[in-house]
Amino acid sequence: MGKLIDGKWTSGDAVAPTNDKGEFERADSGFRGWLTRDGEPGPDGQKGWRAEPGRYRLYVSLACPWAHRTLVVRALKQLEDLIPVTVVGPVMGEHGWSFAETYGGTGEPLYGLDHLHQLYTRARPEMTGKVTVPVLWDEHERTIVSNESADILRMLSTAFDDLGAVAGDFYPAELRGEIDAVNERVYPGLNNGVYRAGFATKQAAYEKAAREVFATLDWLEARLNGREWLAGGQLTEADIRTFTTLVRFDPVYHGHFKCNWRRLVDYPRLSDFAARIAALPGVASTIDLHHIKTHYYRSHPDINPTGIVPIGPADGLVGAAEGG
């Protein structure tokens, strides 16, 4: 759909760029600062920001599974009063993510912007790169702390614990090896795997990605035999990162991305696992299937040129969660 080049929006490039093998390649995140309790640098020496109430804002799409991770942690940590949220409209058009007030979009309350790329150039006027969600925005310095969802998830897990957040670290030190091992399997095979299948432009690339998706689902189903969570005996980021893909599987990835070998409801342990997370306090309110389906079926004209949004599925994990 487009990207920033030297601070100017350029439309026309593919929403999902592929290589010469027809394989989807995801762009790297451009902002990698770190929010901490005391403003100290991040774990890899990233610039640190001090956690303060009312200073930061999340910009998200309710459709995006990467942004959804951050909303789930925000809900579980009860950070709603500390970190407000701005929701983009569901449809990506010529100018990328917009602040349209439709299907759950909130508009842009701080600066009256029309498109997310305008926020990026406020942070970095000569920005070159993709414009993605989520964005963790510093209202005091008027800049982006981070647009990497995996990092934001970990920041929100601990940074506000001295400011009234609910206790609980979703990346505890004693489980990091196990969590990392699960993430290293789930990210390429499932989280990004559904996109590699859906955006593939050659048959071999599609089939390779789709088979990896179901191999990963099979692996997860087996891993949940006799256990409640994927890593250790508690809810961790490995569960949250898996959950946001599972929520979208039957409504979107099964049909729109051609991941149709099986459905989530054909995996009883995974279905129960996803339902357990959806039932945790605050999590159901982060799920908006109307927003989700509107985004996918109306933002990818190469895949769905008519823009028709399907009415189903009628059952499954969140069949009744038609918000917006």
Protein backbone atom coordinates (compact mmCIF):
# COMPACT_ATOMS: atom_id res chain seq x y z
CA MET A 1 0.00 0.00 0.00
CA GLY A 2 2.86 2.38 0.67
CA LYS A 3 5.73 3.47 2.89
CA LEU A 4 7.67 6.53 3.97
CA ILE A 5 10.72 7.57 1.95
CA ASP A 6 12.72 10.50 3.37
CA GLY A 7 9.69 11.61 5.33
CA LYS A 8 7.24 11.56 2.41
CA TRP A 9 4.48 9.02 1.95
CA THR A 10 4.86 6.98 -1.20
CA SER A 11 1.93 4.80 -2.23
CA GLY A 12 1.81 1.96 -4.69
CA ASP A 13 4.18 -0.67 -3.33
CA ALA A 14 2.78 -4.04 -2.31
CA VAL A 15 1.10 -4.32 1.07
CA ALA A 16 2.93 -7.63 1.45
CA PRO A 17 6.30 -7.60 -0.35
CA THR A 18 7.60 -10.94 -1.60
CA ASN A 19 10.98 -12.17 -2.87
CA ASP A 20 11.71 -13.80 -6.20
CA LYS A 21 10.43 -17.12 -4.84
CA GLY A 22 7.05 -15.59 -4.08
CA GLU A 23 7.70 -15.70 -0.32
CA PHE A 24 6.38 -12.96 1.98
CA GLU A 25 9.11 -11.02 3.82
CA ARG A 26 8.20 -8.96 6.89
CA ALA A 27 9.92 -5.60 7.42
CA ASP A 28 11.92 -4.90 10.59
CA SER A 29 10.66 -2.44 13.20
CA GLY A 30 12.17 1.04 13.01
CA PHE A 31 11.93 2.19 16.65
CA ARG A 32 13.36 0.06 19.46
CA GLY A 33 13.52 2.16 22.64
CA TRP A 34 12.60 0.60 26.00
CA LEU A 35 10.19 1.62 28.76
CA THR A 36 11.41 0.77 32.27
CA ARG A 37 10.43 1.54 35.86
CA ASP A 38 13.37 3.91 36.35
CA GLY A 39 14.30 4.97 32.82
CA GLU A 40 17.36 2.74 32.67
CA PRO A 41 18.40 1.31 29.26
CA GLY A 42 16.71 -1.77 27.86
CA PRO A 43 18.11 -5.32 28.02
CA ASP A 44 20.24 -4.83 24.91
CA GLY A 45 21.30 -1.29 25.76
CA GLN A 46 18.35 0.42 24.07
CA LYS A 47 17.56 4.00 25.09
CA GLY A 48 15.41 3.93 28.22
CA TRP A 49 12.21 5.80 29.01
CA ARG A 50 10.85 6.12 32.56
CA ALA A 51 7.34 4.73 33.14
CA GLU A 52 4.99 7.53 34.20
CA PRO A 53 1.19 7.65 34.36
CA GLY A 54 -0.47 9.58 31.54
CA ARG A 55 2.72 10.04 29.55
CA TYR A 56 2.43 7.22 27.02
CA ARG A 57 -0.22 6.17 24.51
CA LEU A 58 -0.70 3.01 22.47
CA TYR A 59 -1.69 3.31 18.83
CA VAL A 60 -3.19 0.01 17.69
CA SER A 61 -5.38 -1.77 15.20
CA LEU A 62 -7.94 -4.14 16.67
CA ALA A 63 -7.36 -6.31 13.60
CA CYS A 64 -3.61 -6.74 13.94
CA PRO A 65 -2.48 -9.75 16.02
CA TRP A 66 0.82 -8.01 16.84
CA ALA A 67 -1.02 -4.98 18.27
CA HIS A 68 -3.51 -7.29 19.96
CA ARG A 69 -0.68 -8.76 22.06
CA THR A 70 -0.13 -5.39 23.68
CA LEU A 71 -3.85 -4.89 24.33
CA VAL A 72 -4.09 -8.26 26.06
CA VAL A 73 -1.19 -7.41 28.40
CA ARG A 74 -2.63 -3.94 29.00
CA ALA A 75 -5.92 -5.56 30.04
CA LEU A 76 -4.35 -8.26 32.23
CA LYS A 77 -2.13 -5.71 33.98
CA GLN A 78 -5.09 -3.30 34.32
CA LEU A 79 -3.18 -0.47 32.71
CA GLU A 80 -6.22 1.20 31.14
CA ASP A 81 -5.97 4.30 33.37
CA LEU A 82 -2.20 4.57 32.87
CA ILE A 83 -1.93 4.05 29.10
CA PRO A 84 -4.74 5.33 26.85
CA VAL A 85 -5.30 3.76 23.45
CA THR A 86 -5.94 5.19 19.99
CA VAL A 87 -7.45 2.75 17.48
CA VAL A 88 -6.95 3.15 13.74
CA GLY A 89 -9.73 2.38 11.30
CA PRO A 90 -9.79 -1.19 10.01
CA VAL A 91 -9.19 -0.63 6.30
CA MET A 92 -5.71 0.06 4.94
CA GLY A 93 -6.04 2.27 1.88
CA GLU A 94 -3.76 4.30 -0.35
CA HIS A 95 -2.26 6.08 2.67
CA GLY A 96 -1.95 2.99 4.85
CA TRP A 97 -3.52 2.99 8.31
CA SER A 98 -5.99 5.83 8.76
CA PHE A 99 -7.70 7.36 11.77
CA ALA A 100 -11.17 6.82 10.31
CA GLU A 101 -13.84 6.64 13.00
CA THR A 102 -15.46 3.48 11.67
CA TYR A 103 -15.77 -0.09 12.98
CA GLY A 104 -14.18 0.82 16.30
CA GLY A 105 -11.69 3.42 15.06
CA THR A 106 -11.36 6.28 17.56
CA GLY A 107 -9.94 9.12 15.48
CA GLU A 108 -6.66 10.77 16.51
CA PRO A 109 -7.22 12.88 19.66
CA LEU A 110 -3.79 14.44 20.19
CA TYR A 111 -2.92 16.17 16.93
CA GLY A 112 -5.95 15.70 14.68
CA LEU A 113 -4.03 13.49 12.24
CA ASP A 114 -5.65 11.67 9.34
CA HIS A 115 -3.12 8.85 8.88
CA LEU A 116 -0.66 6.95 11.02
CA HIS A 117 2.29 7.83 8.79
CA GLN A 118 1.87 11.44 9.96
CA LEU A 119 2.61 10.32 13.52
CA TYR A 120 5.78 8.58 12.32
CA THR A 121 7.08 11.74 10.66
CA ARG A 122 6.36 13.73 13.82
CA ALA A 123 8.79 11.38 15.55
CA ARG A 124 11.29 11.23 12.70
CA PRO A 125 10.78 13.85 9.96
CA GLU A 126 13.10 12.09 7.50
CA MET A 127 11.70 8.62 8.26
CA THR A 128 12.17 5.91 5.64
CA GLY A 129 10.38 2.60 6.18
CA LYS A 130 7.08 0.83 6.77
CA VAL A 131 4.37 2.32 8.98
CA THR A 132 3.05 -0.37 11.34
CA VAL A 133 1.10 -0.93 14.54
CA PRO A 134 1.43 -1.09 17.47
CA VAL A 135 3.13 2.19 18.32
CA LEU A 136 4.10 3.20 21.87
CA TRP A 137 4.07 7.00 21.81
CA ASP A 138 5.64 9.41 24.34
CA GLU A 139 3.29 12.40 24.65
CA HIS A 140 5.90 14.48 26.51
CA GLU A 141 8.75 14.13 24.02
CA ARG A 142 6.35 13.64 21.11
CA THR A 143 8.19 10.69 19.73
CA ILE A 144 7.89 6.94 19.27
CA VAL A 145 9.39 4.81 22.01
CA SER A 146 8.90 1.54 20.12
CA ASN A 147 6.92 -0.01 17.29
CA GLU A 148 8.06 -3.57 18.02
CA SER A 149 5.18 -5.55 19.52
CA ALA A 150 7.34 -8.22 21.17
CA ASP A 151 9.27 -5.51 23.05
CA ILE A 152 6.16 -3.54 24.02
CA LEU A 153 4.60 -6.70 25.43
CA ARG A 154 7.59 -7.16 27.74
CA MET A 155 7.72 -3.49 28.72
CA LEU A 156 4.08 -3.41 29.77
CA SER A 157 4.57 -6.64 31.70
CA THR A 158 6.81 -4.96 34.32
CA ALA A 159 7.38 -1.22 33.75
CA PHE A 160 4.28 0.00 35.60
CA ASP A 161 4.37 -2.38 38.57
CA ASP A 162 5.30 0.46 40.95
CA LEU A 163 2.46 2.61 39.62
CA GLY A 164 -0.51 0.41 40.37
CA ALA A 165 -0.35 -2.32 37.72
CA VAL A 166 -1.54 -5.79 38.66
CA ALA A 167 1.37 -7.99 39.69
CA GLY A 168 2.57 -10.60 37.24
CA ASP A 169 5.52 -10.89 34.86
CA PHE A 170 4.74 -12.67 31.59
CA TYR A 171 8.45 -13.20 30.86
CA PRO A 172 9.83 -14.38 34.22
CA ALA A 173 13.55 -15.07 34.40
CA GLU A 174 13.16 -18.70 35.47
CA LEU A 175 11.04 -19.55 32.40
CA ARG A 176 12.76 -17.51 29.71
CA GLY A 177 14.57 -20.44 28.13
CA GLU A 178 11.33 -22.40 27.76
CA ILE A 179 9.37 -19.34 26.62
CA ASP A 180 12.00 -18.49 24.01
CA ALA A 181 11.95 -22.06 22.70
CA VAL A 182 8.16 -21.94 22.24
CA ASN A 183 8.32 -18.49 20.61
CA GLU A 184 11.04 -19.65 18.23
CA ARG A 185 8.74 -22.41 17.00
CA VAL A 186 5.46 -20.49 17.01
CA TYR A 187 6.59 -17.24 15.40
CA PRO A 188 7.81 -18.55 12.01
CA GLY A 189 5.45 -21.50 11.87
CA LEU A 190 2.20 -19.88 13.02
CA ASN A 191 2.27 -16.15 13.87
CA ASN A 192 4.09 -15.21 10.68
CA GLY A 193 3.35 -18.53 8.99
CA VAL A 194 -0.27 -17.63 8.22
CA TYR A 195 0.96 -14.45 6.52
CA ARG A 196 3.60 -16.36 4.58
CA ALA A 197 0.82 -18.62 3.31
CA GLY A 198 -1.72 -15.87 2.66
CA PHE A 199 0.62 -13.46 0.91
CA ALA A 200 2.58 -16.04 -1.09
CA THR A 201 2.48 -15.39 -4.84
CA LYS A 202 3.75 -18.78 -5.98
CA GLN A 203 2.26 -22.21 -5.33
CA ALA A 204 5.39 -23.75 -3.85
CA ALA A 205 5.84 -20.85 -1.41
CA TYR A 206 2.21 -21.11 -0.34
CA GLU A 207 2.26 -24.86 0.17
CA LYS A 208 5.49 -24.76 2.16
CA ALA A 209 4.15 -22.07 4.48
CA ALA A 210 0.69 -23.63 4.88
CA ARG A 211 2.12 -27.03 5.76
CA GLU A 212 4.35 -25.38 8.38
CA VAL A 213 1.29 -23.69 9.87
CA PHE A 214 -0.44 -27.01 10.47
CA ALA A 215 2.73 -28.73 11.62
CA THR A 216 3.00 -25.99 14.26
CA LEU A 217 -0.64 -26.33 15.27
CA ASP A 218 -0.14 -30.11 15.59
CA TRP A 219 2.92 -29.47 17.76
CA LEU A 220 1.01 -27.05 19.99
CA GLU A 221 -1.92 -29.46 20.35
CA ALA A 222 0.47 -32.20 21.46
CA ARG A 223 2.31 -29.86 23.83
CA LEU A 224 -0.95 -29.03 25.62
CA ASN A 225 -1.56 -32.67 26.48
CA GLY A 226 -1.79 -32.67 30.28
CA ARG A 227 -0.79 -29.05 30.70
CA GLU A 228 -2.69 -25.77 30.95
CA TRP A 229 -0.07 -23.39 29.54
CA LEU A 230 2.68 -23.62 26.93
CA ALA A 231 5.67 -22.78 29.13
CA GLY A 232 5.81 -23.65 32.82
CA GLY A 233 2.76 -23.71 35.02
CA GLN A 234 1.61 -20.14 34.49
CA LEU A 235 0.35 -17.80 31.78
CA THR A 236 3.31 -16.29 29.90
CA GLU A 237 3.96 -14.27 26.79
CA ALA A 238 4.27 -17.55 24.86
CA ASP A 239 0.56 -18.12 25.48
CA ILE A 240 -0.41 -14.53 24.62
CA ARG A 241 1.60 -14.51 21.38
CA THR A 242 -0.06 -17.77 20.33
CA PHE A 243 -3.54 -16.68 21.41
CA THR A 244 -3.81 -13.62 19.15
CA THR A 245 -3.20 -15.76 16.07
CA LEU A 246 -5.65 -18.44 17.21
CA VAL A 247 -8.43 -15.84 17.66
CA ARG A 248 -8.15 -14.95 13.97
CA PHE A 249 -7.65 -18.44 12.62
CA ASP A 250 -11.16 -19.62 11.77
CA PRO A 251 -12.64 -16.16 10.94
CA VAL A 252 -9.76 -15.04 8.69
CA TYR A 253 -6.74 -17.24 8.14
CA HIS A 254 -8.67 -20.42 7.31
CA GLY A 255 -10.42 -18.81 4.33
CA HIS A 256 -8.75 -15.53 3.40
CA PHE A 257 -5.19 -16.84 3.79
CA LYS A 258 -6.02 -20.35 2.49
CA CYS A 259 -4.92 -22.10 5.70
CA ASN A 260 -7.80 -24.51 5.27
CA TRP A 261 -6.38 -27.96 5.97
CA ARG A 262 -8.10 -27.86 9.35
CA ARG A 263 -9.83 -25.30 11.58
CA LEU A 264 -9.01 -24.26 15.13
CA VAL A 265 -12.18 -26.02 16.30
CA ASP A 266 -10.65 -29.26 14.99
CA TYR A 267 -7.98 -28.95 17.70
CA PRO A 268 -9.78 -29.54 21.02
CA ARG A 269 -6.86 -28.70 23.33
CA LEU A 270 -5.94 -25.54 21.43
CA SER A 271 -9.59 -24.48 21.34
CA ASP A 272 -9.89 -24.93 25.11
CA PHE A 273 -6.56 -23.12 25.61
CA ALA A 274 -7.69 -20.12 23.56
CA ALA A 275 -11.05 -20.05 25.34
CA ARG A 276 -9.24 -20.03 28.74
CA ILE A 277 -7.30 -16.93 27.77
CA ALA A 278 -10.35 -15.21 26.28
CA ALA A 279 -12.15 -15.76 29.61
CA LEU A 280 -9.45 -13.99 31.67
CA PRO A 281 -10.48 -10.58 33.07
CA GLY A 282 -10.52 -7.90 30.39
CA VAL A 283 -9.34 -10.05 27.50
CA ALA A 284 -12.71 -10.50 25.76
CA SER A 285 -13.01 -6.71 25.44
CA THR A 286 -9.85 -6.66 23.31
CA ILE A 287 -11.47 -8.89 20.64
CA ASP A 288 -13.53 -7.24 17.89
CA LEU A 289 -14.30 -9.72 15.12
CA HIS A 290 -16.14 -7.16 13.02
CA HIS A 291 -13.07 -4.94 12.97
CA ILE A 292 -10.82 -7.95 12.32
CA LYS A 293 -12.79 -9.32 9.39
CA THR A 294 -13.37 -5.87 7.87
CA HIS A 295 -9.64 -5.23 7.86
CA TYR A 296 -8.51 -8.45 6.24
CA TYR A 297 -11.25 -8.80 3.65
CA ARG A 298 -11.20 -5.11 2.58
CA SER A 299 -7.50 -4.28 2.83
CA HIS A 300 -6.06 -6.93 0.50
CA PRO A 301 -7.58 -6.38 -2.97
CA ASP A 302 -5.04 -8.72 -4.56
CA ILE A 303 -6.48 -11.55 -2.47
CA ASN A 304 -10.14 -10.46 -2.17
CA PRO A 305 -10.88 -7.97 -4.97
CA THR A 306 -14.62 -7.76 -4.25
CA GLY A 307 -14.08 -6.65 -0.64
CA ILE A 308 -16.96 -8.85 0.51
CA VAL A 309 -16.74 -9.72 4.21
CA PRO A 310 -18.03 -13.23 5.07
CA ILE A 311 -20.81 -13.64 7.59
CA GLY A 312 -19.18 -16.57 9.40
CA PRO A 313 -18.01 -18.52 11.18
CA ALA A 314 -21.10 -18.86 13.34
CA ASP A 315 -19.36 -20.97 15.99
CA GLY A 316 -15.90 -21.25 17.47
CA LEU A 317 -13.89 -19.36 20.07
CA VAL A 318 -15.37 -15.88 19.73
CA GLY A 319 -18.26 -16.36 17.33
CA ALA A 320 -20.40 -13.85 19.21
CA ALA A 321 -17.72 -11.18 19.62
CA GLU A 322 -18.96 -8.96 16.79
CA GLY A 323 -18.09 -5.59 18.30
CA GLY A 324 -17.67 -2.23 16.60
